[in-house]
Amino acid sequence: MRQVEQLPESDQDAAGAALIDYLAHRDEMRLSDTQLAEARRRRADPQRELVSHDEAKERLSRLQ
């Protein structure tokens, strides 16, 4: 919060809006039990494919 106080007023407003949005939707951002089980299964796979951050962003952009 101290860092936000040092920002220009318009940036403080944006940070406040982002925080309010996060708080309003944080329960919706949780994985379901099924999603959590799938994530654990994939992490346990020794043959899993790891990709760079840029490649992950590219793959996600194709899903939209």
PDB file of N, CA and C in Angstrom:
ATOM      1  N   MET A   1       0.817  -1.175   0.000  1.00  0.00           N
ATOM      2  CA  MET A   1       0.000   0.000   0.000  1.00  0.00           C
ATOM      3  C   MET A   1       0.875   1.258   0.000  1.00  0.00           C
ATOM      4  N   ARG A   2       2.015   1.155   0.654  1.00  0.00           N
ATOM      5  CA  ARG A   2       2.911   2.323   0.659  1.00  0.00           C
ATOM      6  C   ARG A   2       3.387   2.668  -0.740  1.00  0.00           C
ATOM      7  N   GLN A   3       3.655   1.631  -1.529  1.00  0.00           N
ATOM      8  CA  GLN A   3       4.087   1.869  -2.910  1.00  0.00           C
ATOM      9  C   GLN A   3       2.967   2.511  -3.722  1.00  0.00           C
ATOM     10  N   VAL A   4       1.746   2.066  -3.511  1.00  0.00           N
ATOM     11  CA  VAL A   4       0.608   2.631  -4.234  1.00  0.00           C
ATOM     12  C   VAL A   4       0.440   4.104  -3.875  1.00  0.00           C
ATOM     13  N   GLU A   5       0.652   4.440  -2.606  1.00  0.00           N
ATOM     14  CA  GLU A   5       0.520   5.841  -2.177  1.00  0.00           C
ATOM     15  C   GLU A   5       1.509   6.761  -2.887  1.00  0.00           C
ATOM     16  N   GLN A   6       2.601   6.220  -3.379  1.00  0.00           N
ATOM     17  CA  GLN A   6       3.615   7.020  -4.066  1.00  0.00           C
ATOM     18  C   GLN A   6       3.286   7.246  -5.541  1.00  0.00           C
ATOM     19  N   LEU A   7       2.299   6.549  -6.053  1.00  0.00           N
ATOM     20  CA  LEU A   7       1.927   6.655  -7.467  1.00  0.00           C
ATOM     21  C   LEU A   7       1.089   7.905  -7.720  1.00  0.00           C
ATOM     22  N   PRO A   8       1.045   8.347  -8.982  1.00  0.00           N
ATOM     23  CA  PRO A   8       0.124   9.428  -9.334  1.00  0.00           C
ATOM     24  C   PRO A   8      -1.315   8.999  -9.037  1.00  0.00           C
ATOM     25  N   GLU A   9      -2.180   9.961  -8.827  1.00  0.00           N
ATOM     26  CA  GLU A   9      -3.556   9.660  -8.415  1.00  0.00           C
ATOM     27  C   GLU A   9      -4.270   8.722  -9.385  1.00  0.00           C
ATOM     28  N   SER A  10      -4.076   8.903 -10.682  1.00  0.00           N
ATOM     29  CA  SER A  10      -4.754   8.029 -11.655  1.00  0.00           C
ATOM     30  C   SER A  10      -4.274   6.584 -11.516  1.00  0.00           C
ATOM     31  N   ASP A  11      -2.987   6.395 -11.237  1.00  0.00           N
ATOM     32  CA  ASP A  11      -2.459   5.045 -11.033  1.00  0.00           C
ATOM     33  C   ASP A  11      -2.963   4.458  -9.713  1.00  0.00           C
ATOM     34  N   GLN A  12      -3.120   5.302  -8.706  1.00  0.00           N
ATOM     35  CA  GLN A  12      -3.686   4.832  -7.439  1.00  0.00           C
ATOM     36  C   GLN A  12      -5.115   4.344  -7.664  1.00  0.00           C
ATOM     37  N   ASP A  13      -5.873   5.094  -8.462  1.00  0.00           N
ATOM     38  CA  ASP A  13      -7.244   4.676  -8.773  1.00  0.00           C
ATOM     39  C   ASP A  13      -7.260   3.337  -9.491  1.00  0.00           C
ATOM     40  N   ALA A  14      -6.356   3.154 -10.439  1.00  0.00           N
ATOM     41  CA  ALA A  14      -6.282   1.895 -11.185  1.00  0.00           C
ATOM     42  C   ALA A  14      -5.907   0.735 -10.264  1.00  0.00           C
ATOM     43  N   ALA A  15      -4.955   0.983  -9.370  1.00  0.00           N
ATOM     44  CA  ALA A  15      -4.541  -0.064  -8.425  1.00  0.00           C
ATOM     45  C   ALA A  15      -5.698  -0.418  -7.494  1.00  0.00           C
ATOM     46  N   GLY A  16      -6.416   0.594  -7.037  1.00  0.00           N
ATOM     47  CA  GLY A  16      -7.569   0.346  -6.172  1.00  0.00           C
ATOM     48  C   GLY A  16      -8.645  -0.449  -6.887  1.00  0.00           C
ATOM     49  N   ALA A  17      -8.914  -0.102  -8.137  1.00  0.00           N
ATOM     50  CA  ALA A  17      -9.916  -0.824  -8.915  1.00  0.00           C
ATOM     51  C   ALA A  17      -9.495  -2.280  -9.129  1.00  0.00           C
ATOM     52  N   ALA A  18      -8.209  -2.499  -9.391  1.00  0.00           N
ATOM     53  CA  ALA A  18      -7.714  -3.865  -9.582  1.00  0.00           C
ATOM     54  C   ALA A  18      -7.856  -4.678  -8.297  1.00  0.00           C
ATOM     55  N   LEU A  19      -7.566  -4.057  -7.171  1.00  0.00           N
ATOM     56  CA  LEU A  19      -7.692  -4.754  -5.887  1.00  0.00           C
ATOM     57  C   LEU A  19      -9.151  -5.084  -5.592  1.00  0.00           C
ATOM     58  N   ILE A  20     -10.043  -4.144  -5.840  1.00  0.00           N
ATOM     59  CA  ILE A  20     -11.472  -4.389  -5.610  1.00  0.00           C
ATOM     60  C   ILE A  20     -11.965  -5.511  -6.518  1.00  0.00           C
ATOM     61  N   ASP A  21     -11.541  -5.507  -7.782  1.00  0.00           N
ATOM     62  CA  ASP A  21     -11.936  -6.561  -8.713  1.00  0.00           C
ATOM     63  C   ASP A  21     -11.421  -7.917  -8.246  1.00  0.00           C
ATOM     64  N   TYR A  22     -10.171  -7.948  -7.799  1.00  0.00           N
ATOM     65  CA  TYR A  22      -9.602  -9.205  -7.287  1.00  0.00           C
ATOM     66  C   TYR A  22     -10.421  -9.721  -6.112  1.00  0.00           C
ATOM     67  N   LEU A  23     -10.722  -8.848  -5.160  1.00  0.00           N
ATOM     68  CA  LEU A  23     -11.467  -9.267  -3.977  1.00  0.00           C
ATOM     69  C   LEU A  23     -12.869  -9.755  -4.331  1.00  0.00           C
ATOM     70  N   ALA A  24     -13.474  -9.123  -5.320  1.00  0.00           N
ATOM     71  CA  ALA A  24     -14.826  -9.507  -5.720  1.00  0.00           C
ATOM     72  C   ALA A  24     -14.866 -10.865  -6.416  1.00  0.00           C
ATOM     73  N   HIS A  25     -13.749 -11.256  -7.039  1.00  0.00           N
ATOM     74  CA  HIS A  25     -13.749 -12.483  -7.842  1.00  0.00           C
ATOM     75  C   HIS A  25     -12.787 -13.557  -7.362  1.00  0.00           C
ATOM     76  N   ARG A  26     -12.158 -13.370  -6.235  1.00  0.00           N
ATOM     77  CA  ARG A  26     -11.118 -14.323  -5.830  1.00  0.00           C
ATOM     78  C   ARG A  26     -11.651 -15.736  -5.629  1.00  0.00           C
ATOM     79  N   ASP A  27     -12.881 -15.890  -5.169  1.00  0.00           N
ATOM     80  CA  ASP A  27     -13.418 -17.238  -4.977  1.00  0.00           C
ATOM     81  C   ASP A  27     -13.663 -17.947  -6.306  1.00  0.00           C
ATOM     82  N   GLU A  28     -13.908 -17.168  -7.357  1.00  0.00           N
ATOM     83  CA  GLU A  28     -14.132 -17.745  -8.681  1.00  0.00           C
ATOM     84  C   GLU A  28     -12.830 -18.200  -9.320  1.00  0.00           C
ATOM     85  N   MET A  29     -11.692 -17.767  -8.785  1.00  0.00           N
ATOM     86  CA  MET A  29     -10.402 -18.072  -9.392  1.00  0.00           C
ATOM     87  C   MET A  29      -9.782 -19.344  -8.828  1.00  0.00           C
ATOM     88  N   ARG A  30     -10.515 -20.064  -8.054  1.00  0.00           N
ATOM     89  CA  ARG A  30      -9.981 -21.296  -7.474  1.00  0.00           C
ATOM     90  C   ARG A  30     -10.231 -22.462  -8.406  1.00  0.00           C
ATOM     91  N   LEU A  31      -9.318 -23.412  -8.372  1.00  0.00           N
ATOM     92  CA  LEU A  31      -9.477 -24.611  -9.177  1.00  0.00           C
ATOM     93  C   LEU A  31     -10.518 -25.520  -8.557  1.00  0.00           C
ATOM     94  N   SER A  32     -11.284 -26.173  -9.411  1.00  0.00           N
ATOM     95  CA  SER A  32     -12.211 -27.189  -8.921  1.00  0.00           C
ATOM     96  C   SER A  32     -11.387 -28.407  -8.494  1.00  0.00           C
ATOM     97  N   ASP A  33     -12.014 -29.331  -7.797  1.00  0.00           N
ATOM     98  CA  ASP A  33     -11.310 -30.549  -7.404  1.00  0.00           C
ATOM     99  C   ASP A  33     -10.814 -31.315  -8.631  1.00  0.00           C
ATOM    100  N   THR A  34     -11.610 -31.317  -9.686  1.00  0.00           N
ATOM    101  CA  THR A  34     -11.221 -31.998 -10.918  1.00  0.00           C
ATOM    102  C   THR A  34     -10.017 -31.316 -11.561  1.00  0.00           C
ATOM    103  N   GLN A  35     -10.040 -29.986 -11.622  1.00  0.00           N
ATOM    104  CA  GLN A  35      -8.909 -29.254 -12.198  1.00  0.00           C
ATOM    105  C   GLN A  35      -7.649 -29.445 -11.373  1.00  0.00           C
ATOM    106  N   LEU A  36      -7.778 -29.435 -10.059  1.00  0.00           N
ATOM    107  CA  LEU A  36      -6.639 -29.632  -9.177  1.00  0.00           C
ATOM    108  C   LEU A  36      -6.043 -31.032  -9.367  1.00  0.00           C
ATOM    109  N   ALA A  37      -6.897 -32.033  -9.467  1.00  0.00           N
ATOM    110  CA  ALA A  37      -6.417 -33.402  -9.691  1.00  0.00           C
ATOM    111  C   ALA A  37      -5.672 -33.505 -11.022  1.00  0.00           C
ATOM    112  N   GLU A  38      -6.188 -32.830 -12.058  1.00  0.00           N
ATOM    113  CA  GLU A  38      -5.523 -32.862 -13.365  1.00  0.00           C
ATOM    114  C   GLU A  38      -4.171 -32.154 -13.309  1.00  0.00           C
ATOM    115  N   ALA A  39      -4.098 -31.032 -12.621  1.00  0.00           N
ATOM    116  CA  ALA A  39      -2.827 -30.317 -12.481  1.00  0.00           C
ATOM    117  C   ALA A  39      -1.805 -31.184 -11.752  1.00  0.00           C
ATOM    118  N   ARG A  40      -2.234 -31.849 -10.705  1.00  0.00           N
ATOM    119  CA  ARG A  40      -1.324 -32.736  -9.964  1.00  0.00           C
ATOM    120  C   ARG A  40      -0.873 -33.908 -10.826  1.00  0.00           C
ATOM    121  N   ARG A  41      -1.803 -34.463 -11.608  1.00  0.00           N
ATOM    122  CA  ARG A  41      -1.459 -35.587 -12.489  1.00  0.00           C
ATOM    123  C   ARG A  41      -0.404 -35.146 -13.498  1.00  0.00           C
ATOM    124  N   ARG A  42      -0.605 -33.982 -14.083  1.00  0.00           N
ATOM    125  CA  ARG A  42       0.344 -33.491 -15.093  1.00  0.00           C
ATOM    126  C   ARG A  42       1.709 -33.180 -14.482  1.00  0.00           C
ATOM    127  N   ARG A  43       1.728 -32.603 -13.284  1.00  0.00           N
ATOM    128  CA  ARG A  43       3.004 -32.285 -12.639  1.00  0.00           C
ATOM    129  C   ARG A  43       3.776 -33.548 -12.285  1.00  0.00           C
ATOM    130  N   ALA A  44       3.054 -34.628 -11.992  1.00  0.00           N
ATOM    131  CA  ALA A  44       3.710 -35.887 -11.610  1.00  0.00           C
ATOM    132  C   ALA A  44       4.244 -36.649 -12.819  1.00  0.00           C
ATOM    133  N   ASP A  45       3.836 -36.286 -14.026  1.00  0.00           N
ATOM    134  CA  ASP A  45       4.250 -36.980 -15.243  1.00  0.00           C
ATOM    135  C   ASP A  45       5.709 -36.639 -15.558  1.00  0.00           C
ATOM    136  N   PRO A  46       6.625 -37.622 -15.481  1.00  0.00           N
ATOM    137  CA  PRO A  46       8.040 -37.323 -15.750  1.00  0.00           C
ATOM    138  C   PRO A  46       8.305 -36.970 -17.214  1.00  0.00           C
ATOM    139  N   GLN A  47       7.370 -37.277 -18.106  1.00  0.00           N
ATOM    140  CA  GLN A  47       7.527 -36.976 -19.531  1.00  0.00           C
ATOM    141  C   GLN A  47       6.815 -35.680 -19.941  1.00  0.00           C
ATOM    142  N   ARG A  48       6.394 -34.898 -18.947  1.00  0.00           N
ATOM    143  CA  ARG A  48       5.654 -33.678 -19.286  1.00  0.00           C
ATOM    144  C   ARG A  48       6.531 -32.709 -20.065  1.00  0.00           C
ATOM    145  N   GLU A  49       5.889 -31.935 -20.914  1.00  0.00           N
ATOM    146  CA  GLU A  49       6.593 -30.967 -21.746  1.00  0.00           C
ATOM    147  C   GLU A  49       6.590 -29.608 -21.046  1.00  0.00           C
ATOM    148  N   LEU A  50       7.764 -29.059 -20.839  1.00  0.00           N
ATOM    149  CA  LEU A  50       7.875 -27.739 -20.240  1.00  0.00           C
ATOM    150  C   LEU A  50       8.094 -26.727 -21.360  1.00  0.00           C
ATOM    151  N   VAL A  51       7.435 -25.573 -21.244  1.00  0.00           N
ATOM    152  CA  VAL A  51       7.566 -24.535 -22.264  1.00  0.00           C
ATOM    153  C   VAL A  51       7.963 -23.225 -21.596  1.00  0.00           C
ATOM    154  N   SER A  52       8.501 -22.324 -22.388  1.00  0.00           N
ATOM    155  CA  SER A  52       8.880 -21.010 -21.875  1.00  0.00           C
ATOM    156  C   SER A  52       7.623 -20.190 -21.575  1.00  0.00           C
ATOM    157  N   HIS A  53       7.818 -19.107 -20.840  1.00  0.00           N
ATOM    158  CA  HIS A  53       6.708 -18.209 -20.530  1.00  0.00           C
ATOM    159  C   HIS A  53       6.097 -17.660 -21.823  1.00  0.00           C
ATOM    160  N   ASP A  54       6.942 -17.275 -22.772  1.00  0.00           N
ATOM    161  CA  ASP A  54       6.445 -16.743 -24.042  1.00  0.00           C
ATOM    162  C   ASP A  54       5.629 -17.780 -24.802  1.00  0.00           C
ATOM    163  N   GLU A  55       6.090 -19.022 -24.815  1.00  0.00           N
ATOM    164  CA  GLU A  55       5.351 -20.087 -25.499  1.00  0.00           C
ATOM    165  C   GLU A  55       4.021 -20.343 -24.798  1.00  0.00           C
ATOM    166  N   ALA A  56       4.005 -20.305 -23.479  1.00  0.00           N
ATOM    167  CA  ALA A  56       2.754 -20.494 -22.746  1.00  0.00           C
ATOM    168  C   ALA A  56       1.761 -19.381 -23.078  1.00  0.00           C
ATOM    169  N   LYS A  57       2.245 -18.130 -23.131  1.00  0.00           N
ATOM    170  CA  LYS A  57       1.365 -17.003 -23.493  1.00  0.00           C
ATOM    171  C   LYS A  57       0.816 -17.185 -24.906  1.00  0.00           C
ATOM    172  N   GLU A  58       1.655 -17.638 -25.822  1.00  0.00           N
ATOM    173  CA  GLU A  58       1.220 -17.871 -27.193  1.00  0.00           C
ATOM    174  C   GLU A  58       0.132 -18.942 -27.243  1.00  0.00           C
ATOM    175  N   ARG A  59       0.342 -20.019 -26.541  1.00  0.00           N
ATOM    176  CA  ARG A  59      -0.647 -21.101 -26.524  1.00  0.00           C
ATOM    177  C   ARG A  59      -1.970 -20.631 -25.927  1.00  0.00           C
ATOM    178  N   LEU A  60      -1.886 -19.865 -24.846  1.00  0.00           N
ATOM    179  CA  LEU A  60      -3.110 -19.353 -24.226  1.00  0.00           C
ATOM    180  C   LEU A  60      -3.834 -18.376 -25.130  1.00  0.00           C
ATOM    181  N   SER A  61      -3.106 -17.566 -25.863  1.00  0.00           N
ATOM    182  CA  SER A  61      -3.751 -16.599 -26.763  1.00  0.00           C
ATOM    183  C   SER A  61      -4.523 -17.311 -27.876  1.00  0.00           C
ATOM    184  N   ARG A  62      -4.085 -18.490 -28.262  1.00  0.00           N
ATOM    185  CA  ARG A  62      -4.791 -19.230 -29.303  1.00  0.00           C
ATOM    186  C   ARG A  62      -6.105 -19.812 -28.791  1.00  0.00           C
ATOM    187  N   LEU A  63      -6.260 -19.922 -27.472  1.00  0.00           N
ATOM    188  CA  LEU A  63      -7.490 -20.475 -26.907  1.00  0.00           C
ATOM    189  C   LEU A  63      -8.612 -19.445 -26.838  1.00  0.00           C
ATOM    190  N   GLN A  64      -8.273 -18.192 -26.974  1.00  0.00           N
ATOM    191  CA  GLN A  64      -9.281 -17.139 -26.821  1.00  0.00           C
ATOM    192  C   GLN A  64      -9.994 -16.834 -28.093  1.00  0.00           C
TER     193      GLN A  64
END
